[in-house]
Amino acid sequence: MTLDKVNAENYNQYFLDGITNCFFTPIKDWAILCEEDAKSKSAIKRYKSINKKIDNYLIKYKEGIPEDEVQ
């Protein structure tokens, strides 16, 4: 169909797939691997901080992260 035949509407999209969060889970997996491979105390601290933030986001966005919050 051409655009003039379709009523354009904006929909808020939420990113959540199955029992895991498809947006945050890959980031958390990456941060866990980086933390395990980190050699310095500052790197370990940085990746622990990222993991803690992701845990908070998983609680906050348990129904999925809205598209306008992705930034």
N, C-alpha and C. Protein backbone atom coordinates (compact mmCIF):
# COMPACT_ATOMS: atom_id res chain seq x y z
N MET A 1 0.85 -1.18 0.00
CA MET A 1 0.00 0.00 0.00
C MET A 1 0.89 1.25 0.00
N THR A 2 0.41 2.24 -0.64
CA THR A 2 1.15 3.49 -0.65
C THR A 2 0.84 4.27 0.62
N LEU A 3 1.70 5.20 0.96
CA LEU A 3 1.57 5.95 2.21
C LEU A 3 0.27 6.74 2.29
N ASP A 4 -0.24 7.23 1.17
CA ASP A 4 -1.48 8.02 1.21
C ASP A 4 -2.70 7.17 1.54
N LYS A 5 -2.58 5.84 1.47
CA LYS A 5 -3.69 4.94 1.79
C LYS A 5 -3.62 4.40 3.22
N VAL A 6 -2.55 4.70 3.90
CA VAL A 6 -2.34 4.17 5.25
C VAL A 6 -2.35 5.34 6.23
N ASN A 7 -3.10 5.19 7.29
CA ASN A 7 -3.09 6.21 8.34
C ASN A 7 -1.86 6.00 9.21
N ALA A 8 -0.99 6.97 9.20
CA ALA A 8 0.25 6.86 9.97
C ALA A 8 -0.01 7.20 11.43
N GLU A 9 0.41 6.32 12.32
CA GLU A 9 0.30 6.56 13.76
C GLU A 9 1.62 6.14 14.40
N ASN A 10 1.98 6.85 15.44
CA ASN A 10 3.18 6.49 16.19
C ASN A 10 2.79 5.54 17.31
N TYR A 11 3.54 4.47 17.44
CA TYR A 11 3.32 3.50 18.50
C TYR A 11 4.56 3.47 19.38
N ASN A 12 4.35 3.41 20.67
CA ASN A 12 5.48 3.25 21.58
C ASN A 12 5.89 1.78 21.56
N GLN A 13 7.13 1.54 21.21
CA GLN A 13 7.64 0.19 21.15
C GLN A 13 8.39 -0.12 22.45
N TYR A 14 8.20 -1.33 22.98
CA TYR A 14 8.89 -1.79 24.17
C TYR A 14 9.77 -2.97 23.79
N PHE A 15 11.00 -2.99 24.31
CA PHE A 15 11.94 -4.05 23.99
C PHE A 15 12.00 -5.05 25.13
N LEU A 16 11.39 -6.20 24.92
CA LEU A 16 11.40 -7.30 25.88
C LEU A 16 11.06 -8.55 25.10
N ASP A 17 11.82 -9.59 25.31
CA ASP A 17 11.58 -10.81 24.55
C ASP A 17 11.65 -12.00 25.51
N GLY A 18 10.56 -12.69 25.66
CA GLY A 18 10.53 -13.89 26.49
C GLY A 18 10.77 -13.59 27.96
N ILE A 19 11.46 -14.48 28.63
CA ILE A 19 11.70 -14.31 30.06
C ILE A 19 12.93 -13.47 30.35
N THR A 20 13.73 -13.19 29.31
CA THR A 20 14.90 -12.35 29.50
C THR A 20 14.68 -11.03 28.76
N ASN A 21 15.38 -10.02 29.19
CA ASN A 21 15.29 -8.73 28.54
C ASN A 21 16.25 -8.71 27.37
N CYS A 22 15.72 -8.63 26.15
CA CYS A 22 16.56 -8.74 24.96
C CYS A 22 17.48 -7.54 24.78
N PHE A 23 17.21 -6.46 25.49
CA PHE A 23 18.05 -5.27 25.38
C PHE A 23 19.21 -5.32 26.37
N PHE A 24 18.92 -5.66 27.62
CA PHE A 24 19.94 -5.60 28.67
C PHE A 24 20.74 -6.89 28.84
N THR A 25 20.18 -8.03 28.54
CA THR A 25 20.86 -9.30 28.77
C THR A 25 22.19 -9.40 28.03
N PRO A 26 22.27 -9.05 26.74
CA PRO A 26 23.58 -9.12 26.07
C PRO A 26 24.62 -8.18 26.68
N ILE A 27 24.18 -7.02 27.13
CA ILE A 27 25.10 -6.06 27.76
C ILE A 27 25.61 -6.63 29.07
N LYS A 28 24.70 -7.21 29.86
CA LYS A 28 25.09 -7.80 31.15
C LYS A 28 26.05 -8.98 30.93
N ASP A 29 25.75 -9.83 29.95
CA ASP A 29 26.64 -10.96 29.66
C ASP A 29 28.04 -10.48 29.30
N TRP A 30 28.11 -9.43 28.48
CA TRP A 30 29.39 -8.84 28.09
C TRP A 30 30.14 -8.30 29.31
N ALA A 31 29.43 -7.57 30.18
CA ALA A 31 30.07 -6.99 31.36
C ALA A 31 30.57 -8.07 32.32
N ILE A 32 29.85 -9.15 32.45
CA ILE A 32 30.28 -10.26 33.31
C ILE A 32 31.57 -10.87 32.77
N LEU A 33 31.61 -11.11 31.46
CA LEU A 33 32.82 -11.67 30.85
C LEU A 33 34.01 -10.73 31.00
N CYS A 34 33.77 -9.43 30.81
CA CYS A 34 34.85 -8.45 30.95
C CYS A 34 35.35 -8.39 32.39
N GLU A 35 34.41 -8.48 33.33
CA GLU A 35 34.81 -8.46 34.75
C GLU A 35 35.67 -9.68 35.08
N GLU A 36 35.32 -10.84 34.56
CA GLU A 36 36.09 -12.06 34.82
C GLU A 36 37.49 -11.98 34.21
N ASP A 37 37.61 -11.30 33.07
CA ASP A 37 38.90 -11.21 32.39
C ASP A 37 39.72 -9.99 32.81
N ALA A 38 39.15 -9.12 33.61
CA ALA A 38 39.84 -7.88 33.99
C ALA A 38 41.06 -8.19 34.86
N LYS A 39 42.10 -7.42 34.62
CA LYS A 39 43.36 -7.63 35.36
C LYS A 39 43.54 -6.60 36.49
N SER A 40 43.08 -5.38 36.27
CA SER A 40 43.30 -4.33 37.27
C SER A 40 42.07 -4.16 38.17
N LYS A 41 42.32 -3.62 39.34
CA LYS A 41 41.23 -3.37 40.29
C LYS A 41 40.25 -2.35 39.75
N SER A 42 40.76 -1.34 39.03
CA SER A 42 39.87 -0.31 38.50
C SER A 42 38.95 -0.87 37.42
N ALA A 43 39.46 -1.78 36.59
CA ALA A 43 38.63 -2.41 35.56
C ALA A 43 37.56 -3.29 36.20
N ILE A 44 37.94 -4.05 37.20
CA ILE A 44 36.97 -4.89 37.91
C ILE A 44 35.89 -4.03 38.53
N LYS A 45 36.28 -2.93 39.13
CA LYS A 45 35.32 -2.01 39.75
C LYS A 45 34.38 -1.41 38.70
N ARG A 46 34.92 -1.05 37.54
CA ARG A 46 34.12 -0.46 36.46
C ARG A 46 33.06 -1.46 35.97
N TYR A 47 33.45 -2.71 35.75
CA TYR A 47 32.51 -3.71 35.25
C TYR A 47 31.49 -4.12 36.32
N LYS A 48 31.90 -4.13 37.58
CA LYS A 48 30.92 -4.38 38.65
C LYS A 48 29.88 -3.27 38.68
N SER A 49 30.33 -2.04 38.46
CA SER A 49 29.41 -0.90 38.42
C SER A 49 28.41 -1.04 37.26
N ILE A 50 28.91 -1.45 36.11
CA ILE A 50 28.02 -1.65 34.96
C ILE A 50 27.00 -2.74 35.27
N ASN A 51 27.45 -3.84 35.87
CA ASN A 51 26.53 -4.93 36.23
C ASN A 51 25.47 -4.47 37.22
N LYS A 52 25.87 -3.66 38.17
CA LYS A 52 24.92 -3.16 39.16
C LYS A 52 23.87 -2.25 38.51
N LYS A 53 24.32 -1.39 37.58
CA LYS A 53 23.38 -0.53 36.85
C LYS A 53 22.40 -1.35 36.03
N ILE A 54 22.92 -2.37 35.37
CA ILE A 54 22.05 -3.24 34.57
C ILE A 54 21.03 -3.95 35.45
N ASP A 55 21.44 -4.41 36.62
CA ASP A 55 20.50 -5.04 37.56
C ASP A 55 19.38 -4.07 37.93
N ASN A 56 19.74 -2.80 38.18
CA ASN A 56 18.73 -1.80 38.51
C ASN A 56 17.79 -1.54 37.33
N TYR A 57 18.35 -1.50 36.13
CA TYR A 57 17.52 -1.30 34.93
C TYR A 57 16.59 -2.48 34.70
N LEU A 58 17.06 -3.70 34.97
CA LEU A 58 16.22 -4.88 34.81
C LEU A 58 15.01 -4.83 35.75
N ILE A 59 15.20 -4.29 36.93
CA ILE A 59 14.09 -4.12 37.87
C ILE A 59 13.17 -3.01 37.39
N LYS A 60 13.75 -1.89 37.01
CA LYS A 60 12.97 -0.72 36.59
C LYS A 60 12.15 -1.02 35.32
N TYR A 61 12.75 -1.73 34.38
CA TYR A 61 12.10 -1.99 33.10
C TYR A 61 11.72 -3.46 32.96
N LYS A 62 11.12 -4.03 33.99
CA LYS A 62 10.77 -5.45 33.94
C LYS A 62 9.69 -5.75 32.90
N GLU A 63 8.94 -4.74 32.49
CA GLU A 63 7.92 -4.90 31.46
C GLU A 63 8.46 -4.57 30.07
N GLY A 64 9.73 -4.26 29.99
CA GLY A 64 10.36 -3.89 28.73
C GLY A 64 10.75 -2.43 28.75
N ILE A 65 11.79 -2.08 28.04
CA ILE A 65 12.27 -0.71 28.00
C ILE A 65 11.56 0.03 26.86
N PRO A 66 10.93 1.18 27.17
CA PRO A 66 10.27 1.93 26.11
C PRO A 66 11.28 2.51 25.13
N GLU A 67 10.84 2.67 23.91
CA GLU A 67 11.73 3.17 22.84
C GLU A 67 12.33 4.52 23.19
N ASP A 68 11.55 5.39 23.83
CA ASP A 68 12.07 6.73 24.15
C ASP A 68 13.03 6.74 25.32
N GLU A 69 13.23 5.62 26.00
CA GLU A 69 14.17 5.49 27.11
C GLU A 69 15.48 4.82 26.69
N VAL A 70 15.58 4.39 25.45
CA VAL A 70 16.75 3.63 24.99
C VAL A 70 18.03 4.46 25.06
N GLN A 71 17.95 5.74 24.85
CA GLN A 71 19.14 6.57 24.83
C GLN A 71 19.96 6.37 26.07
